[in-house]
Structures are given as C-alpha cells and as structure tokens.
Amino acid sequence: GVTTLYLPKSDGESIAAMHAIVEAYPEVRRMMMGLHPCSVGQDSIASLDQVEQLLGTGQYCAVGEIGIDLYWDKTWIEEQREAFRTQVRWAKELALPVVIHCRESFEETISIIEEEKDEHLTGIFHCFTGSVEEARRIIDLGDFMLGIGGVITYPKGGLAETMAEVGAAHCVLETDAPYLAPVPYRGKRNESAYIPFIATRLAEATGRSVDEIATITTANAERLFAQPTNKT
C-alpha cells in the first residue's frame, strides 16, 4: 500500500493548504517547494524570492515542481528557462532532488539538466510519457527517475510499450492527482489509492511481479527523498 505522500507545490495558493495537510499527518506527508513553470511570467522575482526563503527553512524534501511548459504558452520561454536553472542550482546547494515538470519541452528541459548535472543533482521527470530514447537519456543522467503515472494504463498511451523496453529499475510511481487517473477510473478524480493500478500495469509491461515493482519503486523514492544528511 501507500505509506508516504509527497506533495508538490503547484502555485502560491497551495502553500497554506499543503502545510495544513502535513501538520495534520506529519508521519506520512512530506512537502516540496518550487516555482511551477506555468506560474512564471514577466516578473517572477518576488515568487522566486519566496521559494528561496522557504527552501531555506529546511522543511522541504525536494525542489518542485519546476521545469519548462510549452504546451499552454510559449510567451515566457526565456523566463521559464531562467527560473528553472536558478531553482536547479538551489537544489544542488541544498542537496535536494528536483521534481521536473516537462511538457512539450523535453529538449529544452533536459539540456539544462545535462549542463547543470553534478554529483549533487538528482530528481524525477514527473509524469513521464516520452519515447524509449528520451527515457534512456534521462536514465543516462545517473541519479534521475522516471515518474510513472496513470498514462501507463491507457491502451493508446504508448507508455507501456516504452517501459517494456526500458524496464522498471529507474522508476517511481506517482499520481498527478487530481489528474490522469488510471484505468478503470480514467476521467475521474485521481487519488493515491489508485497507485496499485499503475504498479500492476508497470509490472505487466516489464515482466516483473507487482511485489517487485513495489519494492523497486519504493526503494527508489526513499533513496531519492532521503534527508540530505542521510544521503550516501
């Protein structure tokens, strides 16, 4: 079953709610902090300053979601690149993983990660739905994981076929709740209780048992999100 929930910061309005959830369930909830690319605009300095200040409190397990999104709007691409690179560098300084939002922007996103990669930079490509070649390029970074969600259960999604070639060794499981619920709940509100459906389909695609998938992905998440002082 699900033992720990990792909560990304999606926008400024979500911060208070995220803190309230963690305060209510401190043993099973952990928070991330970052400026989502869809929140980047002409002047994001104040938002970035807030993120930097909050990260400095030591309350967060990752920097995220951060990245580049060219699906909705390409107007602020340079600002998105700058905000992404800035936050990647903060993550390295703090020895925190990054959780990357990458939509219609794989080359733009991974090129920055490749340029910034060092022994301190780790993370997840959230909601991965790409090709075999893209998956292998991420895996070649070393300490980066593919975030596998409900899309793997979609018959025409193509992700199951990709994972059949790539394997499960570099995967973590995720929801993107409330979006992208897996079959048989596709189109409904997603939730963490549906993770077993994702695990089952990943197991089928990669020729492993569900227990093996649970062990692999849990170990990957625990290693990635370990407190900085405990990382080896």
C-alpha atoms as a PDB file:
ATOM      1  CA  GLY A   1       0.000   0.000   0.000  1.00  0.00           C
ATOM      2  CA  VAL A   2       0.869   3.690   0.007  1.00  0.00           C
ATOM      3  CA  THR A   3       2.937   4.664   3.050  1.00  0.00           C
ATOM      4  CA  THR A   4       4.171   8.188   2.276  1.00  0.00           C
ATOM      5  CA  LEU A   5       2.700  11.020   0.218  1.00  0.00           C
ATOM      6  CA  TYR A   6       4.990  13.614  -1.377  1.00  0.00           C
ATOM      7  CA  LEU A   7       3.191  16.895  -2.020  1.00  0.00           C
ATOM      8  CA  PRO A   8       4.485  19.248  -4.735  1.00  0.00           C
ATOM      9  CA  LYS A   9       3.907  22.974  -4.619  1.00  0.00           C
ATOM     10  CA  SER A  10       1.775  23.887  -7.639  1.00  0.00           C
ATOM     11  CA  ASP A  11       1.046  27.590  -7.097  1.00  0.00           C
ATOM     12  CA  GLY A  12       1.162  30.273  -4.426  1.00  0.00           C
ATOM     13  CA  GLU A  13      -2.342  29.492  -3.214  1.00  0.00           C
ATOM     14  CA  SER A  14      -1.424  25.868  -2.466  1.00  0.00           C
ATOM     15  CA  ILE A  15       1.264  26.593   0.139  1.00  0.00           C
ATOM     16  CA  ALA A  16      -1.031  27.076   3.141  1.00  0.00           C
ATOM     17  CA  ALA A  17      -3.129  24.024   2.270  1.00  0.00           C
ATOM     18  CA  MET A  18      -0.012  21.897   1.811  1.00  0.00           C
ATOM     19  CA  HIS A  19       1.336  22.937   5.215  1.00  0.00           C
ATOM     20  CA  ALA A  20      -2.023  22.225   6.850  1.00  0.00           C
ATOM     21  CA  ILE A  21      -2.095  18.698   5.440  1.00  0.00           C
ATOM     22  CA  VAL A  22       1.435  17.964   6.621  1.00  0.00           C
ATOM     23  CA  GLU A  23       0.723  19.359  10.084  1.00  0.00           C
ATOM     24  CA  ALA A  24      -2.330  17.102  10.343  1.00  0.00           C
ATOM     25  CA  TYR A  25      -0.470  13.979   9.153  1.00  0.00           C
ATOM     26  CA  PRO A  26       3.243  14.606   9.793  1.00  0.00           C
ATOM     27  CA  GLU A  27       4.270  10.951   9.734  1.00  0.00           C
ATOM     28  CA  VAL A  28       3.063  10.231   6.206  1.00  0.00           C
ATOM     29  CA  ARG A  29       3.228  13.557   4.329  1.00  0.00           C
ATOM     30  CA  ARG A  30       6.272  15.419   3.011  1.00  0.00           C
ATOM     31  CA  MET A  31       6.379  18.720   1.141  1.00  0.00           C
ATOM     32  CA  MET A  32       8.196  20.097  -1.887  1.00  0.00           C
ATOM     33  CA  MET A  33       8.755  23.732  -2.783  1.00  0.00           C
ATOM     34  CA  GLY A  34       9.330  25.353  -6.166  1.00  0.00           C
ATOM     35  CA  LEU A  35       8.008  27.794  -8.743  1.00  0.00           C
ATOM     36  CA  HIS A  36       5.934  25.860 -11.277  1.00  0.00           C
ATOM     37  CA  PRO A  37       6.698  26.848 -14.889  1.00  0.00           C
ATOM     38  CA  CYS A  38       3.058  27.750 -15.522  1.00  0.00           C
ATOM     39  CA  SER A  39       3.416  30.379 -12.786  1.00  0.00           C
ATOM     40  CA  VAL A  40       6.438  32.015 -14.419  1.00  0.00           C
ATOM     41  CA  GLY A  41       5.795  35.366 -16.100  1.00  0.00           C
ATOM     42  CA  GLN A  42       7.422  38.647 -16.978  1.00  0.00           C
ATOM     43  CA  ASP A  43       8.314  39.392 -13.379  1.00  0.00           C
ATOM     44  CA  SER A  44       8.711  36.291 -11.228  1.00  0.00           C
ATOM     45  CA  ILE A  45      11.414  37.724  -8.980  1.00  0.00           C
ATOM     46  CA  ALA A  46       9.117  38.038  -5.963  1.00  0.00           C
ATOM     47  CA  SER A  47       7.840  34.482  -6.406  1.00  0.00           C
ATOM     48  CA  LEU A  48      11.366  33.126  -6.723  1.00  0.00           C
ATOM     49  CA  ASP A  49      12.433  35.088  -3.652  1.00  0.00           C
ATOM     50  CA  GLN A  50       9.603  33.467  -1.691  1.00  0.00           C
ATOM     51  CA  VAL A  51      10.627  29.997  -2.883  1.00  0.00           C
ATOM     52  CA  GLU A  52      14.256  30.620  -1.940  1.00  0.00           C
ATOM     53  CA  GLN A  53      13.274  31.864   1.505  1.00  0.00           C
ATOM     54  CA  LEU A  54      11.004  28.887   2.166  1.00  0.00           C
ATOM     55  CA  LEU A  55      13.571  26.366   0.942  1.00  0.00           C
ATOM     56  CA  GLY A  56      15.993  27.856   3.436  1.00  0.00           C
ATOM     57  CA  THR A  57      13.769  26.760   6.331  1.00  0.00           C
ATOM     58  CA  GLY A  58      14.672  23.115   5.779  1.00  0.00           C
ATOM     59  CA  GLN A  59      11.059  21.914   5.766  1.00  0.00           C
ATOM     60  CA  TYR A  60      11.060  20.500   2.246  1.00  0.00           C
ATOM     61  CA  CYS A  61      12.137  17.188   0.743  1.00  0.00           C
ATOM     62  CA  ALA A  62      12.560  18.393  -2.859  1.00  0.00           C
ATOM     63  CA  VAL A  63      12.515  21.382  -5.183  1.00  0.00           C
ATOM     64  CA  GLY A  64       9.413  21.031  -7.294  1.00  0.00           C
ATOM     65  CA  GLU A  65       7.517  21.140  -9.392  1.00  0.00           C
ATOM     66  CA  ILE A  66       9.923  23.093 -11.548  1.00  0.00           C
ATOM     67  CA  GLY A  67      10.688  22.896 -15.246  1.00  0.00           C
ATOM     68  CA  ILE A  68       9.513  24.176 -18.613  1.00  0.00           C
ATOM     69  CA  ASP A  69       5.983  24.004 -20.045  1.00  0.00           C
ATOM     70  CA  LEU A  70       5.463  24.974 -23.684  1.00  0.00           C
ATOM     71  CA  TYR A  71       2.050  23.340 -24.051  1.00  0.00           C
ATOM     72  CA  TRP A  72      -0.080  26.247 -22.858  1.00  0.00           C
ATOM     73  CA  ASP A  73       2.035  29.265 -23.710  1.00  0.00           C
ATOM     74  CA  LYS A  74       5.461  29.939 -25.222  1.00  0.00           C
ATOM     75  CA  THR A  75       5.469  33.638 -24.331  1.00  0.00           C
ATOM     76  CA  TRP A  76       7.726  33.344 -21.300  1.00  0.00           C
ATOM     77  CA  ILE A  77      10.126  30.663 -22.512  1.00  0.00           C
ATOM     78  CA  GLU A  78      13.268  32.612 -21.599  1.00  0.00           C
ATOM     79  CA  GLU A  79      11.872  33.429 -18.168  1.00  0.00           C
ATOM     80  CA  GLN A  80      10.957  29.760 -17.693  1.00  0.00           C
ATOM     81  CA  ARG A  81      14.486  28.697 -18.599  1.00  0.00           C
ATOM     82  CA  GLU A  82      15.998  31.198 -16.181  1.00  0.00           C
ATOM     83  CA  ALA A  83      13.660  30.248 -13.328  1.00  0.00           C
ATOM     84  CA  PHE A  84      14.305  26.555 -13.935  1.00  0.00           C
ATOM     85  CA  ARG A  85      18.080  26.897 -13.961  1.00  0.00           C
ATOM     86  CA  THR A  86      18.013  29.086 -10.855  1.00  0.00           C
ATOM     87  CA  GLN A  87      15.992  26.530  -8.910  1.00  0.00           C
ATOM     88  CA  VAL A  88      18.139  23.635 -10.133  1.00  0.00           C
ATOM     89  CA  ARG A  89      21.158  25.425  -8.686  1.00  0.00           C
ATOM     90  CA  TRP A  90      19.374  25.946  -5.377  1.00  0.00           C
ATOM     91  CA  ALA A  91      18.602  22.228  -5.292  1.00  0.00           C
ATOM     92  CA  LYS A  92      22.275  21.417  -5.755  1.00  0.00           C
ATOM     93  CA  GLU A  93      23.286  23.806  -2.979  1.00  0.00           C
ATOM     94  CA  LEU A  94      20.736  22.245  -0.617  1.00  0.00           C
ATOM     95  CA  ALA A  95      21.368  18.639  -1.733  1.00  0.00           C
ATOM     96  CA  LEU A  96      17.678  18.243  -2.565  1.00  0.00           C
ATOM     97  CA  PRO A  97      16.225  16.362  -5.547  1.00  0.00           C
ATOM     98  CA  VAL A  98      14.287  18.208  -8.235  1.00  0.00           C
ATOM     99  CA  VAL A  99      10.841  17.163  -9.444  1.00  0.00           C
ATOM    100  CA  ILE A 100      10.611  18.253 -13.056  1.00  0.00           C
ATOM    101  CA  HIS A 101       7.510  19.330 -14.971  1.00  0.00           C
ATOM    102  CA  CYS A 102       8.354  18.870 -18.644  1.00  0.00           C
ATOM    103  CA  ARG A 103       5.524  19.352 -21.146  1.00  0.00           C
ATOM    104  CA  GLU A 104       6.201  19.793 -24.858  1.00  0.00           C
ATOM    105  CA  SER A 105       9.710  20.809 -23.804  1.00  0.00           C
ATOM    106  CA  PHE A 106      11.891  17.722 -23.449  1.00  0.00           C
ATOM    107  CA  GLU A 107      14.944  19.065 -25.259  1.00  0.00           C
ATOM    108  CA  GLU A 108      14.766  22.460 -23.568  1.00  0.00           C
ATOM    109  CA  THR A 109      14.423  20.829 -20.156  1.00  0.00           C
ATOM    110  CA  ILE A 110      16.945  18.025 -20.310  1.00  0.00           C
ATOM    111  CA  SER A 111      19.612  20.212 -21.899  1.00  0.00           C
ATOM    112  CA  ILE A 112      19.620  22.392 -18.776  1.00  0.00           C
ATOM    113  CA  ILE A 113      19.826  19.329 -16.543  1.00  0.00           C
ATOM    114  CA  GLU A 114      22.707  17.943 -18.600  1.00  0.00           C
ATOM    115  CA  GLU A 115      24.532  21.267 -18.347  1.00  0.00           C
ATOM    116  CA  GLU A 116      23.985  21.528 -14.588  1.00  0.00           C
ATOM    117  CA  LYS A 117      24.490  17.859 -13.698  1.00  0.00           C
ATOM    118  CA  ASP A 118      26.956  17.078 -10.941  1.00  0.00           C
ATOM    119  CA  GLU A 119      27.097  14.644  -8.029  1.00  0.00           C
ATOM    120  CA  HIS A 120      24.552  16.727  -6.086  1.00  0.00           C
ATOM    121  CA  LEU A 121      21.824  16.898  -8.743  1.00  0.00           C
ATOM    122  CA  THR A 122      19.188  14.160  -8.592  1.00  0.00           C
ATOM    123  CA  GLY A 123      15.490  14.027  -9.324  1.00  0.00           C
ATOM    124  CA  ILE A 124      12.405  12.813 -11.127  1.00  0.00           C
ATOM    125  CA  PHE A 125      10.997  13.591 -14.551  1.00  0.00           C
ATOM    126  CA  HIS A 126       7.426  13.858 -13.331  1.00  0.00           C
ATOM    127  CA  CYS A 127       4.615  12.315 -15.375  1.00  0.00           C
ATOM    128  CA  PHE A 128       6.976  10.781 -17.921  1.00  0.00           C
ATOM    129  CA  THR A 129       5.223   9.876 -21.187  1.00  0.00           C
ATOM    130  CA  GLY A 130       8.104  10.054 -23.643  1.00  0.00           C
ATOM    131  CA  SER A 131       9.910   7.752 -26.027  1.00  0.00           C
ATOM    132  CA  VAL A 132      12.428   4.996 -25.377  1.00  0.00           C
ATOM    133  CA  GLU A 133      15.200   7.348 -26.484  1.00  0.00           C
ATOM    134  CA  GLU A 134      14.051  10.065 -24.084  1.00  0.00           C
ATOM    135  CA  ALA A 135      13.786   7.583 -21.226  1.00  0.00           C
ATOM    136  CA  ARG A 136      17.310   6.351 -21.820  1.00  0.00           C
ATOM    137  CA  ARG A 137      18.642   9.884 -21.976  1.00  0.00           C
ATOM    138  CA  ILE A 138      17.135  10.537 -18.546  1.00  0.00           C
ATOM    139  CA  ILE A 139      18.479   7.270 -17.153  1.00  0.00           C
ATOM    140  CA  ASP A 140      21.937   8.097 -18.502  1.00  0.00           C
ATOM    141  CA  LEU A 141      21.998  11.107 -16.171  1.00  0.00           C
ATOM    142  CA  GLY A 142      22.605   8.644 -13.345  1.00  0.00           C
ATOM    143  CA  ASP A 143      20.503   9.647 -10.361  1.00  0.00           C
ATOM    144  CA  PHE A 144      17.268  10.527 -12.152  1.00  0.00           C
ATOM    145  CA  MET A 145      13.988   8.609 -12.141  1.00  0.00           C
ATOM    146  CA  LEU A 146      11.033   8.298 -14.484  1.00  0.00           C
ATOM    147  CA  GLY A 147       7.794   9.252 -12.743  1.00  0.00           C
ATOM    148  CA  ILE A 148       5.226   6.704 -13.933  1.00  0.00           C
ATOM    149  CA  GLY A 149       1.549   7.522 -13.517  1.00  0.00           C
ATOM    150  CA  GLY A 150      -1.862   6.652 -14.881  1.00  0.00           C
ATOM    151  CA  VAL A 151      -0.914   7.123 -18.534  1.00  0.00           C
ATOM    152  CA  ILE A 152       0.763   3.700 -18.484  1.00  0.00           C
ATOM    153  CA  THR A 153      -2.712   2.141 -18.158  1.00  0.00           C
ATOM    154  CA  TYR A 154      -4.116   3.912 -21.229  1.00  0.00           C
ATOM    155  CA  PRO A 155      -4.350   1.493 -24.187  1.00  0.00           C
ATOM    156  CA  LYS A 156      -3.302   4.116 -26.742  1.00  0.00           C
ATOM    157  CA  GLY A 157      -0.882   5.992 -24.500  1.00  0.00           C
ATOM    158  CA  GLY A 158       2.224   4.152 -25.713  1.00  0.00           C
ATOM    159  CA  LEU A 159       3.925   4.319 -22.322  1.00  0.00           C
ATOM    160  CA  ALA A 160       3.546   0.617 -21.533  1.00  0.00           C
ATOM    161  CA  GLU A 161       5.383  -0.227 -24.753  1.00  0.00           C
ATOM    162  CA  THR A 162       8.151   2.230 -23.881  1.00  0.00           C
ATOM    163  CA  MET A 163       8.578   0.772 -20.409  1.00  0.00           C
ATOM    164  CA  ALA A 164       8.665  -2.755 -21.829  1.00  0.00           C
ATOM    165  CA  GLU A 165      11.944  -1.765 -23.484  1.00  0.00           C
ATOM    166  CA  VAL A 166      13.301   0.459 -20.739  1.00  0.00           C
ATOM    167  CA  GLY A 167      12.472  -1.626 -17.654  1.00  0.00           C
ATOM    168  CA  ALA A 168      11.453  -0.566 -14.161  1.00  0.00           C
ATOM    169  CA  ALA A 169      14.809  -0.118 -12.429  1.00  0.00           C
ATOM    170  CA  HIS A 170      14.734   3.682 -12.695  1.00  0.00           C
ATOM    171  CA  CYS A 171      11.063   4.309 -11.916  1.00  0.00           C
ATOM    172  CA  VAL A 172       8.951   5.760  -9.154  1.00  0.00           C
ATOM    173  CA  LEU A 173       5.147   5.644  -9.020  1.00  0.00           C
ATOM    174  CA  GLU A 174       3.023   8.796  -8.870  1.00  0.00           C
ATOM    175  CA  THR A 175      -0.500  10.071  -9.426  1.00  0.00           C
ATOM    176  CA  ASP A 176      -0.512  13.691 -10.695  1.00  0.00           C
ATOM    177  CA  ALA A 177      -3.731  13.872  -8.656  1.00  0.00           C
ATOM    178  CA  PRO A 178      -6.365  15.011  -9.247  1.00  0.00           C
ATOM    179  CA  TYR A 179      -5.500  14.445 -12.917  1.00  0.00           C
ATOM    180  CA  LEU A 180      -4.645  11.397 -15.069  1.00  0.00           C
ATOM    181  CA  ALA A 181      -6.469   8.742 -13.084  1.00  0.00           C
ATOM    182  CA  PRO A 182      -5.572   5.232 -14.252  1.00  0.00           C
ATOM    183  CA  VAL A 183      -7.922   2.778 -15.907  1.00  0.00           C
ATOM    184  CA  PRO A 184     -10.537   1.811 -14.631  1.00  0.00           C
ATOM    185  CA  TYR A 185     -11.004   5.297 -13.136  1.00  0.00           C
ATOM    186  CA  ARG A 186      -9.865   7.290 -16.157  1.00  0.00           C
ATOM    187  CA  GLY A 187     -11.727  10.586 -16.386  1.00  0.00           C
ATOM    188  CA  LYS A 188     -12.480  10.674 -12.671  1.00  0.00           C
ATOM    189  CA  ARG A 189     -10.588  12.412  -9.889  1.00  0.00           C
ATOM    190  CA  ASN A 190      -7.257  10.713  -9.312  1.00  0.00           C
ATOM    191  CA  GLU A 191      -6.034   9.765  -5.837  1.00  0.00           C
ATOM    192  CA  SER A 192      -3.208   7.871  -4.177  1.00  0.00           C
ATOM    193  CA  ALA A 193      -5.408   4.823  -3.588  1.00  0.00           C
ATOM    194  CA  TYR A 194      -5.115   4.119  -7.331  1.00  0.00           C
ATOM    195  CA  ILE A 195      -1.336   3.619  -7.266  1.00  0.00           C
ATOM    196  CA  PRO A 196      -1.761  -0.207  -7.299  1.00  0.00           C
ATOM    197  CA  PHE A 197      -3.359   0.007 -10.765  1.00  0.00           C
ATOM    198  CA  ILE A 198      -0.254   1.812 -12.018  1.00  0.00           C
ATOM    199  CA  ALA A 199       2.038  -0.702 -10.331  1.00  0.00           C
ATOM    200  CA  THR A 200       0.148  -3.607 -11.868  1.00  0.00           C
ATOM    201  CA  ARG A 201       0.414  -2.236 -15.400  1.00  0.00           C
ATOM    202  CA  LEU A 202       4.108  -1.437 -14.982  1.00  0.00           C
ATOM    203  CA  ALA A 203       4.643  -4.983 -13.731  1.00  0.00           C
ATOM    204  CA  GLU A 204       2.858  -6.416 -16.769  1.00  0.00           C
ATOM    205  CA  ALA A 205       4.821  -4.219 -19.160  1.00  0.00           C
ATOM    206  CA  THR A 206       8.225  -5.053 -17.676  1.00  0.00           C
ATOM    207  CA  GLY A 207       7.715  -8.738 -16.894  1.00  0.00           C
ATOM    208  CA  ARG A 208       8.009  -8.343 -13.139  1.00  0.00           C
ATOM    209  CA  SER A 209       5.682  -9.136 -10.262  1.00  0.00           C
ATOM    210  CA  VAL A 210       3.704  -6.397  -8.556  1.00  0.00           C
ATOM    211  CA  ASP A 211       5.687  -7.056  -5.375  1.00  0.00           C
ATOM    212  CA  GLU A 212       8.928  -6.489  -7.273  1.00  0.00           C
ATOM    213  CA  ILE A 213       7.614  -3.217  -8.685  1.00  0.00           C
ATOM    214  CA  ALA A 214       6.554  -2.097  -5.209  1.00  0.00           C
ATOM    215  CA  THR A 215       9.983  -2.927  -3.803  1.00  0.00           C
ATOM    216  CA  ILE A 216      11.914  -1.239  -6.619  1.00  0.00           C
ATOM    217  CA  THR A 217       9.881   1.950  -6.782  1.00  0.00           C
ATOM    218  CA  THR A 218       9.642   2.351  -3.012  1.00  0.00           C
ATOM    219  CA  ALA A 219      13.399   1.949  -2.637  1.00  0.00           C
ATOM    220  CA  ASN A 220      13.979   4.485  -5.410  1.00  0.00           C
ATOM    221  CA  ALA A 221      11.681   7.029  -3.757  1.00  0.00           C
ATOM    222  CA  GLU A 222      13.136   6.503  -0.298  1.00  0.00           C
ATOM    223  CA  ARG A 223      16.681   6.900  -1.587  1.00  0.00           C
ATOM    224  CA  LEU A 224      15.849   9.959  -3.651  1.00  0.00           C
ATOM    225  CA  PHE A 225      13.909  11.741  -0.920  1.00  0.00           C
ATOM    226  CA  ALA A 226      16.245  10.851   1.946  1.00  0.00           C
ATOM    227  CA  GLN A 227      17.153  13.771   4.155  1.00  0.00           C
ATOM    228  CA  PRO A 228      20.342  15.439   2.867  1.00  0.00           C
ATOM    229  CA  THR A 229      22.310  14.427   5.952  1.00  0.00           C
ATOM    230  CA  ASN A 230      21.431  10.780   5.324  1.00  0.00           C
ATOM    231  CA  LYS A 231      22.303  10.630   1.630  1.00  0.00           C
ATOM    232  CA  THR A 232      25.218   8.444   0.653  1.00  0.00           C
END
